[in-house]
N, C-alpha and C. Protein backbone atom coordinates (compact mmCIF):
# COMPACT_ATOMS: atom_id res chain seq x y z
N UNK A 1 9.97 6.54 -58.32
CA UNK A 1 11.53 6.42 -58.53
C UNK A 1 11.86 5.42 -56.93
N UNK A 2 12.23 4.11 -56.55
CA UNK A 2 12.68 4.17 -55.51
C UNK A 2 13.93 4.28 -54.94
N UNK A 3 14.25 4.22 -54.06
CA UNK A 3 15.23 4.54 -53.01
C UNK A 3 16.66 4.09 -53.80
N UNK A 4 16.76 2.97 -54.24
CA UNK A 4 17.60 2.59 -54.95
C UNK A 4 18.22 3.13 -56.11
N UNK A 5 16.79 3.19 -56.82
CA UNK A 5 16.93 3.76 -58.32
C UNK A 5 17.39 5.39 -58.00
N UNK A 6 16.94 5.81 -56.94
CA UNK A 6 17.25 7.77 -56.41
C UNK A 6 18.66 7.62 -56.51
N UNK A 7 19.14 6.75 -55.37
CA UNK A 7 20.71 6.74 -55.08
C UNK A 7 21.38 6.07 -56.60
N UNK A 8 21.20 5.71 -57.57
CA UNK A 8 22.15 5.21 -58.55
C UNK A 8 22.04 6.77 -59.15
N UNK A 9 21.05 7.05 -59.55
CA UNK A 9 20.31 8.12 -60.33
C UNK A 9 21.22 9.59 -59.51
N UNK A 10 21.66 9.54 -58.52
CA UNK A 10 21.73 10.89 -58.00
C UNK A 10 23.40 10.53 -58.21
N UNK A 11 24.08 9.16 -58.35
CA UNK A 11 25.38 9.11 -57.74
C UNK A 11 25.98 9.45 -59.51
N UNK A 12 25.28 8.90 -60.59
CA UNK A 12 25.26 9.01 -61.91
C UNK A 12 25.28 10.48 -62.13
N UNK A 13 25.12 11.54 -61.51
CA UNK A 13 24.93 13.21 -61.79
C UNK A 13 25.63 13.56 -60.71
N UNK A 14 27.05 13.04 -60.03
CA UNK A 14 27.06 13.73 -58.98
C UNK A 14 28.26 14.41 -59.63
N UNK A 15 29.16 15.57 -59.21
CA UNK A 15 29.91 16.01 -60.04
C UNK A 15 31.16 15.46 -59.76
N UNK A 16 32.14 15.71 -61.35
CA UNK A 16 33.33 14.90 -61.28
C UNK A 16 34.21 15.34 -60.02
N UNK A 17 34.90 14.49 -59.80
CA UNK A 17 36.28 14.73 -58.54
C UNK A 17 35.72 15.38 -57.54
N UNK A 18 34.61 14.76 -56.90
CA UNK A 18 33.82 15.32 -55.48
C UNK A 18 34.26 14.63 -54.61
N UNK A 19 34.11 14.70 -53.50
CA UNK A 19 34.79 13.72 -52.37
C UNK A 19 33.88 12.76 -52.56
N UNK A 20 34.06 11.05 -52.66
CA UNK A 20 33.61 10.14 -52.69
C UNK A 20 32.78 9.87 -51.33
N UNK A 21 33.26 10.04 -50.28
CA UNK A 21 32.39 9.77 -49.07
C UNK A 21 31.16 10.53 -49.07
N UNK A 22 31.34 11.68 -48.76
CA UNK A 22 30.36 12.92 -48.89
C UNK A 22 29.05 12.36 -49.66
N UNK A 23 29.47 12.25 -51.03
CA UNK A 23 28.79 12.40 -52.43
C UNK A 23 27.93 11.08 -51.90
N UNK A 24 28.62 9.88 -51.30
CA UNK A 24 27.75 8.88 -50.80
C UNK A 24 26.73 9.08 -49.69
N UNK A 25 27.04 9.85 -48.95
CA UNK A 25 26.28 9.88 -47.73
C UNK A 25 25.14 10.83 -48.07
N UNK A 26 25.47 11.59 -49.04
CA UNK A 26 24.69 13.00 -49.57
C UNK A 26 23.30 11.98 -50.37
N UNK A 27 23.97 11.65 -51.41
CA UNK A 27 23.15 10.74 -52.00
C UNK A 27 22.27 9.56 -51.45
N UNK A 28 23.05 9.16 -49.76
CA UNK A 28 21.97 8.68 -49.67
C UNK A 28 20.81 8.74 -48.69
N UNK A 29 20.91 9.70 -48.39
CA UNK A 29 20.12 10.59 -47.50
C UNK A 29 19.00 11.07 -48.44
N UNK A 30 19.34 12.11 -49.53
CA UNK A 30 18.33 12.23 -50.29
C UNK A 30 17.99 11.24 -51.35
N UNK A 31 17.95 10.01 -51.41
CA UNK A 31 17.45 8.79 -52.41
C UNK A 31 16.22 8.26 -51.41
N UNK A 32 16.43 8.33 -49.68
CA UNK A 32 15.48 8.21 -49.50
C UNK A 32 14.40 9.17 -49.75
N UNK A 33 14.67 10.47 -49.07
CA UNK A 33 13.89 11.05 -49.54
C UNK A 33 12.77 11.56 -50.40
N UNK A 34 13.62 11.17 -51.84
CA UNK A 34 13.07 11.16 -52.97
C UNK A 34 11.99 10.21 -52.62
N UNK A 35 12.41 8.87 -52.67
CA UNK A 35 11.64 7.90 -52.23
C UNK A 35 10.05 7.97 -51.82
N UNK A 36 10.45 8.81 -50.69
CA UNK A 36 9.29 9.07 -49.70
C UNK A 36 8.45 10.18 -50.15
N UNK A 37 9.12 11.39 -50.68
CA UNK A 37 8.45 12.24 -51.08
C UNK A 37 8.19 13.22 -52.61
N UNK A 38 9.43 12.42 -53.63
CA UNK A 38 9.95 12.92 -54.31
C UNK A 38 8.43 13.25 -55.63
N UNK A 39 8.23 12.01 -55.70
CA UNK A 39 6.73 11.96 -57.04
C UNK A 39 5.70 13.02 -56.80
N UNK A 40 5.40 13.76 -55.06
CA UNK A 40 4.63 14.35 -54.61
C UNK A 40 5.26 15.85 -54.75
N UNK A 41 6.25 16.10 -54.74
CA UNK A 41 6.61 16.95 -55.07
C UNK A 41 6.94 17.55 -53.84
N UNK A 42 7.47 16.85 -52.39
CA UNK A 42 8.05 17.27 -51.39
C UNK A 42 8.85 16.47 -50.69
N UNK A 43 9.93 16.62 -51.72
CA UNK A 43 11.34 16.22 -51.22
C UNK A 43 12.00 17.12 -50.23
N UNK A 44 11.59 18.47 -50.14
CA UNK A 44 12.31 18.96 -49.28
C UNK A 44 11.63 18.86 -47.98
N UNK A 45 10.15 18.59 -47.72
CA UNK A 45 10.04 17.78 -46.33
C UNK A 45 10.59 16.76 -45.90
N UNK A 46 10.90 16.17 -46.68
CA UNK A 46 11.79 14.23 -46.24
C UNK A 46 13.08 14.75 -46.07
N UNK A 47 13.68 15.99 -46.50
CA UNK A 47 15.04 15.76 -46.46
C UNK A 47 15.36 16.82 -45.44
N UNK A 48 15.01 17.74 -45.15
CA UNK A 48 15.11 18.68 -44.21
C UNK A 48 16.02 20.17 -44.60
N UNK A 49 15.74 20.40 -46.03
CA UNK A 49 16.15 21.41 -46.20
C UNK A 49 15.02 22.47 -47.51
N UNK A 50 15.57 23.39 -47.02
CA UNK A 50 14.35 24.51 -47.66
C UNK A 50 14.69 24.07 -49.71
N UNK A 51 14.05 24.95 -50.10
CA UNK A 51 14.43 24.86 -51.60
C UNK A 51 15.62 25.41 -51.93
N UNK A 52 16.14 26.15 -51.30
CA UNK A 52 16.98 27.39 -51.86
C UNK A 52 18.37 26.39 -51.41
N UNK A 53 18.50 26.19 -50.05
CA UNK A 53 19.30 25.17 -49.55
C UNK A 53 19.46 23.84 -50.51
N UNK A 54 18.30 23.09 -51.08
CA UNK A 54 18.38 21.83 -51.63
C UNK A 54 18.89 22.26 -53.21
N UNK A 55 18.60 23.49 -53.67
CA UNK A 55 19.38 23.64 -54.96
C UNK A 55 20.91 24.27 -54.93
N UNK A 56 21.12 24.68 -53.54
CA UNK A 56 22.54 25.03 -53.35
C UNK A 56 23.48 23.64 -53.42
N UNK A 57 22.85 22.60 -52.88
CA UNK A 57 23.34 21.59 -52.13
C UNK A 57 23.52 20.32 -53.88
N UNK A 58 22.67 20.94 -54.41
CA UNK A 58 22.85 19.99 -55.92
C UNK A 58 23.50 20.59 -56.74
N UNK A 59 23.58 21.75 -56.74
CA UNK A 59 24.73 22.81 -57.74
C UNK A 59 25.88 21.94 -57.43
N UNK A 60 26.31 21.78 -56.06
CA UNK A 60 27.87 21.55 -55.32
C UNK A 60 27.93 20.84 -55.90
N UNK A 61 27.06 19.32 -55.44
CA UNK A 61 27.18 18.10 -55.54
C UNK A 61 26.58 16.79 -56.42
N UNK A 62 25.55 17.54 -57.01
CA UNK A 62 24.54 16.91 -57.84
C UNK A 62 24.17 17.54 -59.07
N UNK A 63 25.34 18.67 -59.39
CA UNK A 63 24.92 19.14 -61.13
C UNK A 63 23.85 18.40 -62.05
N UNK A 64 24.26 17.23 -62.48
CA UNK A 64 23.52 16.26 -63.47
C UNK A 64 21.82 16.18 -62.80
N UNK A 65 21.66 16.17 -61.91
CA UNK A 65 20.36 16.26 -61.07
C UNK A 65 19.34 17.26 -60.88
N UNK A 66 19.69 18.63 -61.13
CA UNK A 66 19.39 19.64 -60.88
C UNK A 66 17.88 19.93 -61.00
N UNK A 67 17.79 19.37 -62.30
CA UNK A 67 16.22 19.82 -63.18
C UNK A 67 15.43 18.87 -62.33
N UNK A 68 15.86 17.46 -61.97
CA UNK A 68 15.07 16.33 -61.87
C UNK A 68 14.75 17.03 -59.93
N UNK A 69 15.52 17.14 -59.44
CA UNK A 69 15.68 17.75 -58.01
C UNK A 69 14.61 18.87 -57.84
N UNK A 70 14.71 19.65 -58.79
CA UNK A 70 13.89 20.86 -58.55
C UNK A 70 12.25 20.51 -58.74
N UNK A 71 11.77 19.67 -59.76
CA UNK A 71 10.62 19.37 -59.95
C UNK A 71 10.01 18.24 -58.74
N UNK A 72 10.97 17.31 -57.61
CA UNK A 72 10.75 16.77 -56.32
C UNK A 72 10.64 17.88 -55.34
N UNK A 73 10.91 18.90 -55.68
CA UNK A 73 10.83 20.08 -54.20
C UNK A 73 9.86 21.08 -54.86
N UNK A 74 8.92 20.84 -55.70
CA UNK A 74 7.73 21.90 -56.12
C UNK A 74 7.65 22.53 -54.71
N UNK A 75 6.95 21.70 -53.90
CA UNK A 75 6.35 22.39 -52.33
C UNK A 75 7.68 22.63 -51.27
N UNK A 76 7.21 23.40 -50.65
CA UNK A 76 8.28 23.87 -49.54
C UNK A 76 8.21 23.38 -48.24
N UNK A 77 9.00 22.90 -47.58
CA UNK A 77 8.74 21.98 -46.22
C UNK A 77 8.07 23.02 -45.23
N UNK A 78 7.46 21.98 -44.64
CA UNK A 78 6.56 22.53 -43.59
C UNK A 78 7.78 23.11 -42.38
N UNK A 79 7.30 24.12 -41.65
CA UNK A 79 7.72 24.10 -40.07
C UNK A 79 8.54 22.97 -39.24
N UNK A 80 9.70 23.25 -39.07
CA UNK A 80 10.55 21.89 -38.38
C UNK A 80 9.66 21.86 -36.87
N UNK A 81 9.75 20.91 -36.38
CA UNK A 81 9.17 20.87 -34.69
C UNK A 81 10.36 21.53 -33.98
N UNK A 82 10.39 21.60 -32.59
CA UNK A 82 11.28 22.04 -31.85
C UNK A 82 12.13 21.19 -31.62
N UNK A 83 11.78 20.06 -31.50
CA UNK A 83 12.98 19.01 -31.24
C UNK A 83 14.13 18.79 -32.83
N UNK A 84 13.53 18.74 -33.96
CA UNK A 84 14.47 18.67 -35.30
C UNK A 84 15.22 19.97 -35.07
N UNK A 85 14.62 21.06 -34.75
CA UNK A 85 15.15 22.54 -34.55
C UNK A 85 16.43 22.47 -33.38
N UNK A 86 16.26 21.58 -32.64
CA UNK A 86 16.74 21.76 -31.28
C UNK A 86 17.99 20.84 -31.71
N UNK A 87 18.06 19.78 -32.23
CA UNK A 87 19.25 18.84 -32.92
C UNK A 87 19.77 19.50 -33.99
N UNK A 88 19.45 20.28 -34.96
CA UNK A 88 19.78 21.06 -35.98
C UNK A 88 20.91 21.79 -35.55
N UNK A 89 20.25 22.72 -34.20
CA UNK A 89 20.99 23.60 -33.43
C UNK A 89 22.31 23.37 -32.77
N UNK A 90 22.17 21.95 -32.33
CA UNK A 90 23.29 21.21 -31.36
C UNK A 90 24.05 20.79 -32.42
N UNK A 91 23.87 19.94 -33.65
CA UNK A 91 24.75 19.98 -34.62
C UNK A 91 25.75 20.90 -34.96
N UNK A 92 25.12 21.88 -35.32
CA UNK A 92 25.80 23.04 -35.96
C UNK A 92 26.64 23.89 -34.73
N UNK A 93 26.08 23.69 -33.71
CA UNK A 93 27.14 24.36 -32.60
C UNK A 93 28.45 23.41 -32.49
N UNK A 94 28.39 22.53 -33.39
CA UNK A 94 29.95 21.61 -32.89
C UNK A 94 30.02 21.25 -34.37
N UNK A 95 29.77 21.87 -35.37
CA UNK A 95 30.42 21.70 -36.53
C UNK A 95 32.04 21.41 -36.81
N UNK A 96 32.52 21.11 -37.63
CA UNK A 96 34.25 20.72 -37.75
C UNK A 96 34.48 21.75 -38.10
N UNK A 97 33.50 22.86 -39.23
CA UNK A 97 34.07 23.47 -40.25
C UNK A 97 33.06 24.82 -40.21
N UNK A 98 32.94 25.46 -40.87
CA UNK A 98 32.15 26.43 -41.05
C UNK A 98 31.47 26.23 -42.69
N UNK A 99 31.75 25.12 -43.29
CA UNK A 99 31.41 25.20 -44.72
C UNK A 99 29.96 25.25 -45.11
N UNK A 100 29.31 25.64 -46.30
CA UNK A 100 27.80 24.94 -46.11
C UNK A 100 27.55 23.39 -46.11
N UNK A 101 28.64 22.82 -46.45
CA UNK A 101 27.95 21.74 -46.47
C UNK A 101 27.47 21.07 -44.79
N UNK A 102 28.30 21.65 -43.88
CA UNK A 102 27.96 21.41 -42.52
C UNK A 102 26.48 21.88 -41.92
N UNK A 103 26.13 22.88 -42.37
CA UNK A 103 25.03 23.99 -42.12
C UNK A 103 23.69 22.55 -42.85
N UNK A 104 23.98 22.20 -44.33
CA UNK A 104 23.03 21.63 -45.10
C UNK A 104 22.83 20.16 -44.12
N UNK A 105 24.25 19.61 -43.60
CA UNK A 105 24.20 18.46 -43.05
C UNK A 105 23.43 17.92 -41.43
N UNK A 106 23.72 19.16 -41.11
CA UNK A 106 22.87 19.41 -39.85
C UNK A 106 21.66 19.07 -39.88
N UNK A 107 21.26 20.05 -41.08
CA UNK A 107 19.56 20.34 -41.38
C UNK A 107 19.41 18.40 -41.74
N UNK A 108 19.42 17.88 -42.55
CA UNK A 108 19.42 16.75 -42.90
C UNK A 108 19.27 15.59 -41.88
N UNK A 109 20.63 15.79 -41.10
CA UNK A 109 20.57 14.78 -40.00
C UNK A 109 19.13 14.92 -38.82
N UNK A 110 18.98 16.22 -38.65
CA UNK A 110 17.71 16.47 -37.56
C UNK A 110 16.68 15.80 -38.20
N UNK A 111 16.67 16.29 -39.68
CA UNK A 111 15.22 15.65 -40.15
C UNK A 111 15.11 14.25 -40.06
N UNK A 112 16.08 13.51 -40.58
CA UNK A 112 16.05 12.43 -40.51
C UNK A 112 15.94 11.51 -39.29
N UNK A 113 16.50 12.40 -38.40
CA UNK A 113 16.36 11.72 -37.05
C UNK A 113 15.04 11.49 -36.50
N UNK A 114 14.09 12.23 -37.30
CA UNK A 114 12.71 11.83 -36.48
C UNK A 114 12.10 10.58 -37.03
N UNK A 115 12.81 9.95 -38.19
CA UNK A 115 12.30 8.81 -38.47
C UNK A 115 12.78 7.55 -37.36
N UNK A 116 11.84 6.25 -37.71
CA UNK A 116 11.29 5.55 -36.32
C UNK A 116 12.83 4.54 -36.17
N UNK A 117 13.78 4.39 -37.64
CA UNK A 117 14.82 3.38 -37.00
C UNK A 117 16.08 3.77 -36.34
N UNK A 118 17.11 2.97 -36.50
CA UNK A 118 18.38 3.51 -35.99
C UNK A 118 18.65 4.50 -36.78
N UNK A 119 19.64 5.71 -36.42
CA UNK A 119 20.02 6.82 -36.96
C UNK A 119 20.88 6.46 -38.50
N UNK A 120 21.47 5.37 -38.67
CA UNK A 120 22.06 5.48 -40.09
C UNK A 120 21.23 4.83 -41.01
N UNK A 121 20.42 3.73 -40.34
CA UNK A 121 19.00 3.26 -41.34
C UNK A 121 18.45 4.60 -41.99
N UNK A 122 17.80 5.60 -40.93
CA UNK A 122 17.35 6.53 -41.25
C UNK A 122 17.77 7.53 -42.45
N UNK A 123 19.19 7.61 -42.59
CA UNK A 123 20.07 7.82 -43.24
C UNK A 123 20.41 7.54 -44.62
N UNK A 124 20.05 6.21 -44.61
CA UNK A 124 20.08 5.77 -45.75
C UNK A 124 21.67 4.87 -45.75
N UNK A 125 22.67 5.39 -44.70
CA UNK A 125 23.83 4.41 -44.91
C UNK A 125 23.77 2.46 -44.84
N UNK A 126 24.75 2.36 -44.86
CA UNK A 126 25.08 1.03 -44.99
C UNK A 126 25.26 0.34 -43.64
N UNK A 127 26.03 1.15 -42.41
CA UNK A 127 25.62 0.49 -41.16
C UNK A 127 26.26 2.04 -40.42
N UNK A 128 26.37 1.40 -38.82
CA UNK A 128 27.02 2.19 -38.15
C UNK A 128 28.00 3.03 -38.00
N UNK A 129 29.09 2.44 -38.56
CA UNK A 129 30.18 2.81 -38.80
C UNK A 129 30.28 4.28 -39.61
N UNK A 130 29.12 4.06 -40.96
CA UNK A 130 29.38 5.38 -41.85
C UNK A 130 28.88 6.75 -41.15
N UNK A 131 28.12 6.40 -40.16
CA UNK A 131 27.57 7.32 -39.78
C UNK A 131 28.54 8.17 -38.56
N UNK A 132 29.27 7.18 -37.71
CA UNK A 132 30.12 7.56 -36.76
C UNK A 132 31.67 8.45 -37.72
N UNK A 133 31.70 7.85 -38.71
CA UNK A 133 32.24 8.44 -39.91
C UNK A 133 32.51 9.91 -40.30
N UNK A 134 31.20 9.78 -40.40
CA UNK A 134 30.40 11.29 -41.21
C UNK A 134 30.26 12.36 -39.82
N UNK A 135 29.88 11.85 -38.62
CA UNK A 135 29.93 12.86 -37.60
C UNK A 135 31.67 13.26 -37.25
N UNK A 136 32.25 12.48 -37.24
CA UNK A 136 34.12 12.40 -36.83
C UNK A 136 34.02 13.28 -37.69
N UNK A 137 34.27 13.54 -39.07
CA UNK A 137 34.18 14.14 -40.27
C UNK A 137 33.53 15.41 -39.86
N UNK A 138 32.36 15.49 -39.75
CA UNK A 138 32.05 17.20 -40.14
C UNK A 138 31.24 17.61 -38.65
N UNK A 139 31.12 16.75 -37.73
CA UNK A 139 30.89 17.43 -36.04
C UNK A 139 31.94 16.68 -35.14
N UNK A 140 33.02 16.70 -35.17
CA UNK A 140 34.11 16.51 -34.64
C UNK A 140 34.25 16.27 -33.19
N UNK A 141 33.51 17.84 -32.31
CA UNK A 141 33.31 18.53 -31.30
C UNK A 141 32.53 17.28 -30.34
N UNK A 142 31.43 17.47 -31.49
CA UNK A 142 30.17 16.82 -30.30
C UNK A 142 30.82 15.06 -30.52
N UNK A 143 30.89 14.17 -31.39
CA UNK A 143 31.48 12.90 -32.16
C UNK A 143 32.10 12.45 -30.77
N UNK A 144 33.24 13.24 -30.76
CA UNK A 144 34.21 13.12 -29.74
C UNK A 144 33.93 12.79 -27.84
N UNK A 145 32.48 13.59 -27.85
CA UNK A 145 31.99 13.60 -26.64
C UNK A 145 31.15 11.90 -26.55
N UNK A 146 31.11 11.09 -27.35
CA UNK A 146 30.05 10.00 -27.08
C UNK A 146 31.60 9.07 -27.09
N UNK A 147 31.86 8.88 -25.98
CA UNK A 147 33.17 8.06 -25.10
C UNK A 147 32.74 6.71 -25.27
N UNK A 148 31.55 6.51 -24.60
CA UNK A 148 30.80 5.26 -24.21
C UNK A 148 30.43 4.70 -25.67
N UNK A 149 30.50 5.19 -26.67
CA UNK A 149 29.66 4.36 -27.75
C UNK A 149 28.26 4.24 -27.89
N UNK A 150 27.96 5.51 -26.87
CA UNK A 150 25.87 5.13 -26.88
C UNK A 150 25.19 5.40 -28.39
N UNK A 151 23.97 4.60 -28.42
CA UNK A 151 23.55 4.92 -29.94
C UNK A 151 23.64 6.33 -30.06
N UNK A 152 24.03 6.40 -31.28
CA UNK A 152 23.50 8.01 -31.50
C UNK A 152 22.33 9.06 -31.45
N UNK A 153 21.13 8.43 -31.85
CA UNK A 153 20.08 9.24 -31.27
C UNK A 153 19.89 9.43 -29.66
N UNK A 154 20.57 7.92 -28.84
CA UNK A 154 20.33 8.22 -27.61
C UNK A 154 21.40 9.34 -27.06
N UNK A 155 22.25 9.37 -27.97
CA UNK A 155 23.18 10.26 -27.32
C UNK A 155 22.81 11.41 -27.34
N UNK A 156 22.46 11.81 -28.61
CA UNK A 156 22.03 13.22 -29.17
C UNK A 156 20.96 13.86 -28.10
N UNK A 157 19.67 12.74 -27.71
CA UNK A 157 18.57 13.34 -26.84
C UNK A 157 19.37 13.76 -25.39
N UNK A 158 20.39 12.71 -25.07
CA UNK A 158 21.30 13.05 -23.63
C UNK A 158 21.65 14.26 -23.75
N UNK A 159 22.59 14.87 -24.59
CA UNK A 159 23.31 16.29 -24.94
C UNK A 159 22.37 17.29 -25.02
N UNK A 160 20.99 17.19 -25.35
CA UNK A 160 19.62 18.07 -25.75
C UNK A 160 19.47 18.50 -23.89
N UNK A 161 19.01 17.35 -23.45
CA UNK A 161 18.36 17.26 -22.39
C UNK A 161 19.63 18.02 -21.38
N UNK A 162 20.95 17.94 -21.33
CA UNK A 162 22.08 18.18 -20.51
C UNK A 162 21.54 19.74 -20.76
N UNK A 163 21.81 20.18 -21.93
CA UNK A 163 21.78 21.66 -22.48
C UNK A 163 21.09 22.53 -21.88
N UNK A 164 19.54 21.58 -21.64
CA UNK A 164 18.07 22.41 -20.90
C UNK A 164 18.03 22.18 -19.46
N UNK A 165 19.21 21.42 -18.89
CA UNK A 165 19.59 21.04 -17.34
C UNK A 165 18.36 20.28 -16.79
N UNK A 166 18.34 19.11 -17.77
CA UNK A 166 17.29 17.92 -17.41
C UNK A 166 18.33 16.75 -17.32
N UNK A 167 18.56 15.92 -16.41
CA UNK A 167 18.85 14.46 -16.58
C UNK A 167 17.65 13.45 -16.94
N UNK A 168 18.42 12.73 -18.17
CA UNK A 168 17.82 11.53 -19.31
C UNK A 168 17.17 10.33 -18.14
N UNK A 169 17.77 10.02 -17.08
CA UNK A 169 17.48 8.82 -16.68
C UNK A 169 17.87 8.84 -14.83
N UNK A 170 17.54 8.34 -14.17
CA UNK A 170 17.41 8.62 -13.10
C UNK A 170 18.47 7.90 -12.35
N UNK A 171 19.02 6.70 -12.71
CA UNK A 171 20.30 5.38 -12.52
C UNK A 171 21.91 6.52 -12.12
N UNK A 172 22.14 6.37 -11.43
CA UNK A 172 23.31 6.56 -10.66
C UNK A 172 24.34 6.62 -11.44
N UNK A 173 24.45 5.76 -12.70
CA UNK A 173 25.46 5.17 -13.62
C UNK A 173 24.74 4.24 -14.80
N UNK A 174 25.33 4.46 -15.99
CA UNK A 174 24.40 3.49 -17.00
C UNK A 174 24.65 2.68 -17.02
N UNK A 175 25.30 2.01 -16.21
CA UNK A 175 25.51 0.25 -16.00
C UNK A 175 24.52 -0.10 -15.17
N UNK A 176 23.79 0.45 -14.22
CA UNK A 176 23.31 -0.01 -13.29
C UNK A 176 21.45 0.49 -13.79
N UNK A 177 21.65 1.02 -14.68
CA UNK A 177 20.36 1.30 -15.59
C UNK A 177 19.76 0.08 -16.27
N UNK A 178 18.22 -0.34 -15.86
CA UNK A 178 17.53 -1.10 -16.57
C UNK A 178 17.40 -0.91 -17.98
N UNK A 179 17.77 0.53 -18.52
CA UNK A 179 17.74 0.45 -19.90
C UNK A 179 18.61 0.95 -20.70
N UNK A 180 19.49 -0.13 -20.14
CA UNK A 180 21.35 -0.28 -20.73
C UNK A 180 21.33 -0.51 -22.03
N UNK A 181 20.54 -1.50 -21.97
CA UNK A 181 20.72 -2.21 -24.11
C UNK A 181 19.83 -0.73 -24.78
N UNK A 182 18.65 -0.60 -24.13
CA UNK A 182 18.42 0.50 -24.92
C UNK A 182 19.46 1.97 -25.04
N UNK A 183 20.20 2.09 -24.75
CA UNK A 183 21.17 3.16 -24.92
C UNK A 183 22.25 2.72 -25.46
N UNK A 184 22.85 1.35 -25.22
CA UNK A 184 24.22 1.05 -25.94
C UNK A 184 23.91 -0.21 -26.57
N UNK A 185 23.02 -1.17 -26.83
CA UNK A 185 23.23 -2.18 -27.08
C UNK A 185 23.23 -2.03 -28.95
N UNK A 186 23.44 -2.85 -29.53
CA UNK A 186 23.95 -3.28 -31.22
C UNK A 186 23.03 -2.49 -31.82
N UNK A 187 23.46 -1.36 -32.90
CA UNK A 187 22.86 -1.10 -33.59
C UNK A 187 23.20 -1.41 -35.03
N UNK A 188 22.33 -2.93 -34.96
CA UNK A 188 22.61 -3.59 -36.02
C UNK A 188 21.07 -3.90 -37.09
N UNK A 189 21.22 -4.33 -38.16
CA UNK A 189 19.89 -4.35 -38.89
C UNK A 189 20.44 -4.17 -40.29
N UNK A 190 19.26 -4.31 -40.99
CA UNK A 190 19.69 -4.32 -42.92
C UNK A 190 19.55 -2.63 -43.10
N UNK A 191 20.72 -2.05 -43.96
CA UNK A 191 20.42 -0.94 -44.56
C UNK A 191 19.40 -0.59 -45.67
N UNK A 192 18.45 0.47 -44.69
CA UNK A 192 17.15 0.49 -45.83
C UNK A 192 17.29 0.44 -47.33
N UNK A 193 18.22 0.94 -47.71
CA UNK A 193 18.43 0.85 -49.17
C UNK A 193 18.63 -0.13 -49.79
N UNK A 194 19.46 -1.35 -48.95
CA UNK A 194 19.56 -3.00 -49.37
C UNK A 194 18.25 -3.40 -49.44
N UNK A 195 16.93 -3.31 -48.27
CA UNK A 195 15.98 -3.60 -48.20
C UNK A 195 15.02 -3.19 -49.13
N UNK A 196 15.11 -1.93 -49.48
CA UNK A 196 14.14 -1.68 -50.57
C UNK A 196 14.50 -2.20 -51.66
N UNK A 197 15.99 -2.65 -52.20
CA UNK A 197 16.44 -3.47 -53.41
C UNK A 197 15.83 -4.97 -53.06
N UNK A 198 15.91 -4.75 -52.06
CA UNK A 198 15.41 -6.57 -51.90
C UNK A 198 13.99 -6.82 -52.04
N UNK A 199 13.28 -5.72 -52.18
CA UNK A 199 11.60 -5.84 -52.00
C UNK A 199 10.98 -6.13 -50.97
N UNK A 200 11.88 -5.39 -49.33
CA UNK A 200 11.40 -5.27 -48.33
C UNK A 200 10.70 -4.17 -48.15
N UNK A 201 9.86 -3.98 -47.03
CA UNK A 201 9.43 -2.85 -46.48
C UNK A 201 10.83 -1.92 -46.31
N UNK A 202 10.57 -0.89 -46.37
CA UNK A 202 11.92 0.42 -46.08
C UNK A 202 12.43 0.44 -44.73
N UNK A 203 11.14 0.30 -43.58
CA UNK A 203 11.66 0.22 -42.03
C UNK A 203 11.34 -1.26 -41.25
N UNK A 204 11.91 -1.23 -40.48
CA UNK A 204 12.60 -2.41 -40.08
C UNK A 204 11.96 -2.35 -38.76
N UNK A 205 11.84 -1.17 -38.42
CA UNK A 205 11.03 -1.12 -36.89
C UNK A 205 12.19 -1.43 -35.80
N UNK A 206 13.67 -1.11 -35.85
CA UNK A 206 14.81 -1.41 -34.96
C UNK A 206 14.66 -0.82 -33.79
């Protein structure tokens, strides 16, 4: 199943009356994970959720897809790397609420952040604005700290370094840094679901 097909399948099996934006975000993330690992039973490894968490999410948001998701999640995920765990914990520490959805989203975002593209692309979203809206909604205390509109992956890593007492770069101010564009440049590019639907490679290597 391609990511585009998986997205349409998930939306078709979504719970009636659910939140449209959250359903779209979760379908986009899972669609990429399905395309990458669903056929081999490794959906959990690519989605960042263990089997119980995935089943709970499916029952809440995609009840019409539970049986299919179970088949794609036959194998448990490997142990998360330290970097992934640290990012998940950072997100959880700044969750807007204490709902199960924030816990699941934190794990999924942290796992997808290990992929090579812009974070909004790695999540299967249409553009950076959707990622910002997602973070504003579910991790508002953290999102509000990105006052300079830093690229989200760079911002997260800067926060992790600060928490550990490290300085990410040696420049006294960001505008004096040679890597300014790396941290603050535009996060443009084609959405991965759109690339796949157009027959292009999933990764743009942005």
